């Protein structure tokens, strides 16, 4: 993916919105993820209310890059301003760790609060790639905005044929995620 195109597109969009950028760093992470780290004196304006402006900018950058590079699908581009997105990712991983402890202690599965596809992916990968979580597995359940992750033991302790309902944690800290 062309890092210059991403930087130029982001700079133009922010210019139209009178948002100043001090530094834009484009890097490729595991797989196909392109992370764009932005430093700006207008960070709070770029992020917007619960990340809505940041999400909108991210969507526009993806759409422009897809069109300019004639891609078959949207590229996996993640915009981050002053570490905002990274801190949310860390929060989701931390909550997944806490819920993993609950699952191990009780043997019951637990459903995390509904979250976006991006954050569900973060949790799925975290559980799959963490050596200390190899006894657990995840699955996404539900539809649309109410899709959530169920965290459970790979070898569930309940009787054959008995289906456990997910335990939905009402105050798990995931209610204000911004993606």
Foldseek 3Di string as FASTA:
>chain_A
DDPVLLVVLLVVVCVVVVFDWDDWDWDQDPDQEIEIETEGPCLDVCCDDLRPNVVVSQVVSQVVVCVVVVHPDGGRYHYHYPCPQVVLLVLLLVLLVVQLVVCVVPLAKAKEFFDDPVSVVSSQCSLVPDPVNPQKHWDWDDDDRRIIIIIGGPDRPDDPPDDDDHHYDPPSPPPSHRD
